[in-house]
Protein backbone atom coordinates (compact mmCIF):
# COMPACT_ATOMS: atom_id res chain seq x y z
CA MET A 1 0.00 0.00 0.00
CA LYS A 2 1.51 3.31 -1.09
CA MET A 3 1.65 6.22 1.35
CA ARG A 4 1.21 9.94 0.74
CA PHE A 5 1.92 12.98 2.88
CA LEU A 6 -1.27 14.45 4.31
CA GLY A 7 -1.21 18.14 3.47
CA LYS A 8 1.24 20.03 5.68
CA THR A 9 0.90 17.64 8.64
CA GLU A 10 3.99 15.56 7.71
CA LEU A 11 1.85 12.52 8.49
CA LYS A 12 2.05 9.68 6.00
CA VAL A 13 -1.30 8.05 5.28
CA SER A 14 -2.32 5.21 3.00
CA GLU A 15 -3.82 5.96 -0.41
CA LEU A 16 -6.96 4.26 0.85
CA CYS A 17 -8.86 5.36 3.97
CA LEU A 18 -11.39 2.90 5.38
CA GLY A 19 -14.69 4.60 6.11
CA THR A 20 -16.99 3.30 8.84
CA SER A 21 -20.42 4.56 7.83
CA THR A 22 -21.37 0.90 7.32
CA PHE A 23 -20.51 0.04 10.93
CA GLY A 24 -23.54 -0.31 13.20
CA GLY A 25 -26.47 -0.04 10.82
CA VAL A 26 -28.60 2.26 12.98
CA GLY A 27 -31.04 4.97 11.87
CA LEU A 28 -30.25 6.70 8.60
CA TYR A 29 -27.22 4.45 8.11
CA LYS A 30 -29.11 1.15 8.27
CA LYS A 31 -29.27 0.93 4.50
CA ALA A 32 -25.57 1.72 4.09
CA GLY A 33 -24.55 -1.40 6.03
CA ASP A 34 -24.82 -3.14 9.36
CA ILE A 35 -21.34 -4.45 10.18
CA GLY A 36 -21.15 -5.58 13.80
CA GLN A 37 -18.24 -5.75 16.22
CA LYS A 38 -17.00 -9.24 15.38
CA GLU A 39 -16.85 -8.60 11.63
CA ALA A 40 -15.37 -5.14 12.18
CA ASN A 41 -12.56 -6.64 14.24
CA SER A 42 -11.55 -8.82 11.29
CA ILE A 43 -11.93 -5.99 8.80
CA ILE A 44 -9.77 -3.55 10.78
CA ASN A 45 -7.01 -6.10 11.37
CA ILE A 46 -6.93 -7.14 7.72
CA ALA A 47 -6.86 -3.48 6.68
CA LEU A 48 -3.93 -2.75 9.00
CA ASP A 49 -2.07 -5.87 7.89
CA SER A 50 -2.60 -4.81 4.25
CA GLY A 51 -1.00 -1.41 4.86
CA ILE A 52 -4.10 0.75 5.40
CA ASN A 53 -3.34 3.04 8.34
CA PHE A 54 -6.10 5.60 7.75
CA PHE A 55 -9.63 5.31 9.19
CA ASN A 56 -12.60 7.66 8.89
CA THR A 57 -15.62 7.84 11.19
CA ALA A 58 -18.09 10.38 12.63
CA GLU A 59 -20.29 10.90 15.65
CA VAL A 60 -23.36 10.87 13.39
CA TYR A 61 -22.65 7.40 11.94
CA SER A 62 -25.24 5.12 13.56
CA ASN A 63 -25.59 7.59 16.45
CA GLY A 64 -22.03 7.07 17.63
CA MET A 65 -22.01 3.28 17.30
CA ALA A 66 -19.51 3.39 14.41
CA GLU A 67 -17.01 5.21 16.64
CA GLU A 68 -17.51 2.63 19.38
CA ILE A 69 -17.02 -0.29 17.00
CA LEU A 70 -13.91 1.27 15.45
CA GLY A 71 -12.39 2.03 18.85
CA LYS A 72 -12.86 -1.53 20.07
CA ALA A 73 -11.63 -2.99 16.77
CA LEU A 74 -8.41 -0.96 16.85
CA GLY A 75 -7.78 -1.94 20.46
CA THR A 76 -4.06 -2.32 21.16
CA ARG A 77 -3.25 -1.34 17.56
CA ARG A 78 -4.54 2.22 18.02
CA LYS A 79 -1.09 3.79 17.57
CA GLU A 80 -0.74 2.16 14.16
CA ALA A 81 -3.73 4.14 12.91
CA ILE A 82 -4.50 7.70 11.85
CA VAL A 83 -8.12 8.29 12.85
CA ILE A 84 -10.48 10.96 11.57
CA THR A 85 -13.77 11.67 13.27
CA LYS A 86 -16.24 14.44 12.58
CA ILE A 87 -18.73 16.57 14.49
CA HIS A 88 -22.08 17.39 12.85
CA PRO A 89 -23.95 20.68 13.47
CA THR A 90 -27.44 19.12 13.56
CA ARG A 91 -29.50 20.83 16.29
CA SER A 92 -31.60 18.23 18.08
CA PRO A 93 -33.15 17.38 20.41
CA GLY A 94 -32.13 20.00 23.01
CA PRO A 95 -31.71 23.73 22.28
CA ASN A 96 -27.93 23.52 22.77
CA ASP A 97 -27.39 19.98 21.48
CA GLY A 98 -26.00 21.01 18.13
CA GLY A 99 -24.08 23.60 16.18
CA PHE A 100 -20.42 24.45 16.54
CA SER A 101 -20.65 26.42 19.75
CA ARG A 102 -17.80 26.12 22.26
CA LYS A 103 -20.09 24.09 24.54
CA HIS A 104 -21.11 21.60 21.88
CA LEU A 105 -17.65 21.20 20.32
CA ILE A 106 -16.01 20.39 23.64
CA GLU A 107 -18.78 18.03 24.76
CA CYS A 108 -18.81 16.19 21.43
CA CYS A 109 -15.05 15.89 21.34
CA GLU A 110 -15.05 14.33 24.81
CA ALA A 111 -17.84 11.95 23.78
CA SER A 112 -15.97 10.87 20.65
CA LEU A 113 -12.80 10.26 22.66
CA ASN A 114 -14.76 8.03 25.03
CA ARG A 115 -16.44 6.07 22.24
CA LEU A 116 -13.16 5.63 20.36
CA LYS A 117 -11.43 4.56 23.58
CA THR A 118 -8.52 6.90 22.92
CA ASP A 119 -7.00 9.98 24.52
CA TYR A 120 -6.44 11.84 21.24
CA ILE A 121 -8.07 12.29 17.84
CA ASP A 122 -5.63 12.52 14.95
CA ILE A 123 -7.87 14.68 12.76
CA TYR A 124 -11.07 16.34 13.99
CA GLN A 125 -13.26 17.62 11.19
CA LEU A 126 -16.31 19.87 11.02
CA HIS A 127 -18.80 17.68 9.18
CA MET A 128 -20.82 20.47 7.57
CA PHE A 129 -20.82 24.27 7.63
CA ASP A 130 -22.72 25.88 10.54
CA GLU A 131 -24.17 29.18 9.36
CA TYR A 132 -25.39 30.19 12.83
CA THR A 133 -22.31 30.04 15.08
CA PRO A 134 -19.69 32.76 14.47
CA LEU A 135 -16.62 31.18 12.90
CA GLU A 136 -14.37 32.92 15.40
CA ILE A 137 -15.93 30.91 18.24
CA THR A 138 -15.70 27.62 16.36
CA LEU A 139 -12.12 28.08 15.19
CA GLN A 140 -10.84 29.31 18.55
CA THR A 141 -12.40 26.28 20.25
CA LEU A 142 -10.79 23.92 17.73
CA ASN A 143 -7.48 25.66 18.38
CA ASP A 144 -7.92 25.11 22.12
CA LEU A 145 -8.67 21.41 21.56
CA VAL A 146 -5.40 21.07 19.65
CA ARG A 147 -3.48 22.96 22.34
CA SER A 148 -4.98 20.64 24.98
CA GLY A 149 -3.62 17.59 23.17
CA LYS A 150 -7.05 16.04 22.64
CA VAL A 151 -6.88 16.77 18.90
CA ARG A 152 -3.78 16.66 16.71
CA TYR A 153 -5.05 18.37 13.53
CA ILE A 154 -8.31 19.85 12.24
CA GLY A 155 -10.18 19.81 8.95
CA CYS A 156 -13.60 20.15 7.38
CA SER A 157 -16.09 18.31 5.20
CA GLY A 158 -18.87 19.60 3.00
CA PHE A 159 -17.59 23.20 2.89
CA THR A 160 -17.59 25.41 -0.19
CA GLY A 161 -14.48 27.18 -1.43
CA TRP A 162 -15.34 30.56 0.09
CA GLN A 163 -16.20 28.97 3.44
CA VAL A 164 -12.84 27.20 3.61
CA MET A 165 -10.90 30.32 2.65
CA LYS A 166 -12.75 32.42 5.25
CA CYS A 167 -11.73 29.88 7.91
CA ILE A 168 -8.13 29.93 6.68
CA ALA A 169 -8.03 33.73 6.76
CA LEU A 170 -9.43 33.92 10.30
CA ALA A 171 -7.04 31.25 11.55
CA ARG A 172 -4.04 33.05 10.10
CA GLU A 173 -5.18 36.41 11.43
CA ASN A 174 -5.49 35.01 14.95
CA ARG A 175 -2.62 32.50 14.79
CA TRP A 176 -4.95 29.59 15.37
CA GLU A 177 -4.62 26.06 14.04
CA ASN A 178 -5.62 25.84 10.39
CA PHE A 179 -7.40 23.19 8.34
CA MET A 180 -5.12 20.41 7.17
CA THR A 181 -7.77 18.31 5.41
CA ILE A 182 -10.88 18.75 3.31
CA GLU A 183 -13.16 15.76 2.86
CA VAL A 184 -15.31 15.96 -0.26
CA MET A 185 -17.50 13.80 -2.48
CA TYR A 186 -15.42 13.06 -5.56
CA SER A 187 -15.94 10.46 -8.27
CA LEU A 188 -16.23 10.12 -12.03
CA ILE A 189 -19.90 11.08 -11.62
CA SER A 190 -19.25 13.86 -9.10
CA ARG A 191 -16.42 16.11 -10.33
CA TRP A 192 -17.80 19.49 -9.21
CA VAL A 193 -15.05 19.85 -6.60
CA GLU A 194 -12.61 20.41 -9.45
CA LEU A 195 -14.06 23.88 -9.98
CA GLU A 196 -12.96 25.40 -6.65
CA LEU A 197 -11.92 22.93 -3.96
CA VAL A 198 -9.24 21.07 -5.92
CA PRO A 199 -7.45 24.32 -6.91
CA LEU A 200 -7.85 25.53 -3.31
CA CYS A 201 -6.21 22.38 -1.91
CA LEU A 202 -3.33 22.68 -4.36
CA ASP A 203 -2.82 26.36 -3.57
CA GLN A 204 -3.09 26.01 0.23
CA LYS A 205 -1.39 22.58 0.42
CA ILE A 206 -4.38 20.95 2.10
CA GLY A 207 -4.94 17.19 1.90
CA LEU A 208 -8.01 16.33 -0.17
CA LEU A 209 -9.85 13.22 1.02
CA ALA A 210 -12.23 11.89 -1.63
CA PHE A 211 -15.26 10.10 -0.21
CA ALA A 212 -17.75 8.05 -2.23
CA PRO A 213 -15.18 7.26 -4.97
CA LEU A 214 -17.65 4.67 -6.32
CA HIS A 215 -20.55 7.11 -5.94
CA GLY A 216 -22.50 4.93 -3.54
CA GLY A 217 -21.95 1.82 -5.69
CA TYR A 218 -23.00 3.24 -9.06
CA LEU A 219 -19.45 2.75 -10.39
CA THR A 220 -19.14 -0.94 -9.52
CA GLY A 221 -20.63 -2.23 -12.77
CA LYS A 222 -23.87 -3.57 -11.33
CA TYR A 223 -25.93 -0.77 -12.92
CA ARG A 224 -25.84 -1.34 -16.69
CA ARG A 225 -27.50 -0.03 -19.83
CA GLY A 226 -30.46 -2.10 -20.99
CA GLN A 227 -30.46 -4.29 -17.89
CA PRO A 228 -33.07 -4.38 -15.08
CA TRP A 229 -32.33 -2.17 -12.09
CA PRO A 230 -30.69 -4.46 -9.51
CA THR A 231 -32.52 -5.36 -6.30
CA GLY A 232 -31.09 -5.50 -2.81
CA THR A 233 -28.73 -2.59 -3.46
CA ARG A 234 -28.37 0.75 -1.73
CA PHE A 235 -30.58 2.47 -4.32
CA ASP A 236 -33.98 0.94 -5.11
CA LYS A 237 -34.41 3.01 -8.26
CA PRO A 238 -32.48 5.49 -10.43
CA LEU A 239 -31.85 8.76 -8.63
CA ASP A 240 -31.44 12.21 -10.12
CA THR A 241 -31.67 14.03 -6.79
CA GLY A 242 -30.39 13.54 -3.24
CA PRO A 243 -26.79 13.05 -2.11
CA TYR A 244 -25.86 10.77 -5.03
CA PRO A 245 -27.53 12.24 -8.13
CA VAL A 246 -26.78 10.55 -11.42
CA GLU A 247 -27.70 10.98 -15.08
CA GLN A 248 -28.33 7.46 -16.33
CA LYS A 249 -26.94 7.91 -19.84
CA LYS A 250 -23.73 9.48 -18.54
CA LEU A 251 -23.42 6.75 -15.90
CA PHE A 252 -23.72 3.97 -18.48
CA ASP A 253 -21.22 5.68 -20.81
CA ILE A 254 -18.71 5.94 -17.96
CA VAL A 255 -19.22 2.34 -16.83
CA GLU A 256 -18.70 1.02 -20.35
CA GLU A 257 -15.41 2.95 -20.65
CA LEU A 258 -14.37 1.69 -17.21
CA GLU A 259 -15.04 -1.85 -18.40
CA ARG A 260 -12.83 -1.41 -21.47
CA ILE A 261 -9.95 -0.20 -19.30
CA ALA A 262 -10.59 -2.92 -16.71
CA ASN A 263 -10.37 -5.63 -19.37
CA SER A 264 -7.03 -4.29 -20.62
CA HIS A 265 -5.53 -4.47 -17.10
CA ASN A 266 -7.29 -7.66 -15.97
CA VAL A 267 -8.98 -5.87 -13.06
CA ILE A 268 -12.59 -5.08 -12.15
CA ILE A 269 -14.60 -1.95 -12.89
CA SER A 270 -14.61 -0.56 -9.34
CA GLN A 271 -10.82 -0.78 -9.17
CA VAL A 272 -10.53 1.35 -12.31
CA ALA A 273 -12.88 4.00 -10.91
CA MET A 274 -10.75 4.26 -7.76
CA ASN A 275 -7.43 4.13 -9.59
CA TYR A 276 -8.57 7.06 -11.75
CA LEU A 277 -9.07 9.30 -8.69
CA LEU A 278 -5.60 8.45 -7.39
CA ARG A 279 -4.20 9.97 -10.59
CA LYS A 280 -5.97 13.30 -10.01
CA PRO A 281 -4.28 16.44 -8.59
CA ALA A 282 -4.62 17.22 -4.85
CA VAL A 283 -6.06 13.82 -3.91
CA THR A 284 -4.33 12.34 -0.85
CA SER A 285 -6.55 9.38 -0.01
CA LEU A 286 -9.83 7.74 -1.04
CA VAL A 287 -12.39 7.26 1.73
CA PHE A 288 -14.25 4.07 0.86
CA GLY A 289 -16.92 2.08 2.63
CA ILE A 290 -17.51 -1.67 2.51
CA ARG A 291 -20.23 -4.13 3.45
CA ASN A 292 -18.05 -7.24 3.69
CA LEU A 293 -14.49 -8.56 3.57
CA GLN A 294 -14.66 -9.33 -0.14
CA GLN A 295 -15.22 -5.66 -0.95
CA LEU A 296 -12.25 -4.73 1.25
CA GLU A 297 -9.98 -7.13 -0.62
CA GLU A 298 -11.23 -5.88 -4.00
CA ASN A 299 -10.71 -2.22 -3.10
CA ILE A 300 -7.20 -2.80 -1.75
CA LYS A 301 -6.20 -4.14 -5.19
CA ALA A 302 -7.19 -0.82 -6.76
CA THR A 303 -3.79 0.55 -5.69
CA ASP A 304 -1.68 -2.30 -7.11
CA TRP A 305 -1.41 -0.75 -10.59
CA GLU A 306 -1.63 2.57 -12.43
CA MET A 307 -3.68 3.44 -15.47
CA SER A 308 -1.94 5.28 -18.29
CA PRO A 309 -2.23 9.05 -18.87
CA GLU A 310 -4.09 8.26 -22.08
CA GLU A 311 -6.66 6.20 -20.16
CA VAL A 312 -7.07 9.03 -17.64
CA LYS A 313 -7.77 11.41 -20.54
CA ARG A 314 -10.42 9.07 -21.94
CA LEU A 315 -12.24 9.03 -18.62
CA ASP A 316 -11.75 12.79 -18.23
CA LYS A 317 -13.46 13.38 -21.55
CA ILE A 318 -16.43 11.09 -21.01
CA SER A 319 -17.11 12.32 -17.45
CA GLY A 320 -16.12 15.97 -17.89
CA LEU A 321 -17.94 19.04 -16.64
CA LYS A 322 -19.19 21.74 -18.97
CA ARG A 323 -17.16 24.68 -17.75
CA ARG A 324 -18.90 28.04 -17.82
CA TYR A 325 -18.02 31.51 -16.64
CA PRO A 326 -16.05 32.08 -14.47
CA TYR A 327 -14.70 28.51 -14.44
CA TYR A 328 -13.49 28.26 -18.01
CA VAL A 329 -9.77 27.81 -18.54
CA PHE A 330 -8.09 31.01 -19.75
CA ASN A 331 -4.43 31.37 -20.66
CA PRO A 332 -3.52 35.09 -20.93
CA VAL A 333 -0.44 34.26 -22.98
CA SER A 334 -2.07 32.20 -25.72
CA GLU A 335 -5.44 33.93 -25.49
CA PRO A 336 -4.88 37.67 -24.94
CA ALA A 337 -7.89 39.84 -24.25
CA HIS A 338 -9.49 41.56 -27.23
């Protein structure tokens, strides 16, 4: 398993980061997966033995159960792992049980530490942007958590470009800890982050963590043109809205190109989709989820080879975004203003 430096942290993390949203199977995450403690123990040990040292969880995953399962599964091997967990701003059920206030951040951090059975969190991320709490309060509290030793580094997930840059500016102005990671949805079907967040990560030297590299399973090859919609999967029917929107024609075009590349390398479609992202600028690690050990073994093999630049260009073309003002590419040397 190849390692990459994580932004400016000087930490080395594996190209693959095992996500735990499938651990627990409670509430909104029941359909994602329901991996219990015994199976998780095997999964975590196999991942570590295979060279994966990067693990991603969140307080919101199965109401904290995913953190508990991960903490127990790591056990005595905790120091071998780099662990990310996230705090969500959802405000419920009590009036102060949510948001990124100083009170809620500190209480949630302590709760995550207890569930993970650890005395430090390697990377503590804001799960979504909180438009109600002043950023100064949130960022100062995160800085204090780092200074206390309970958190090593901080990051964010689900932020827009301007939101990230505002946080960076405030942190620099006040000499607080700054974001070292940005976790974003990124796949052949979801390339919108290339408009602002990828250039931002390159410019600010922030580690980009790409979650949903298979777009919730759409890029595994089980959804095909002219074939019945599969049953027993995460999505009961084609979706053009929600967290994993997809245009069916574009999906099928991409999958067919993935299959051609897969056949030429003697690999499977999902491995090509993941290998493609590892060739993209700014990407540090792919955050992937699994439902069983077989999927773990398949995903690990996605890093054993590299597709050619020509193959990357083919996938770029078929999955590309239509760039419009102000996101078009302009070279002032070759295209002077008229």
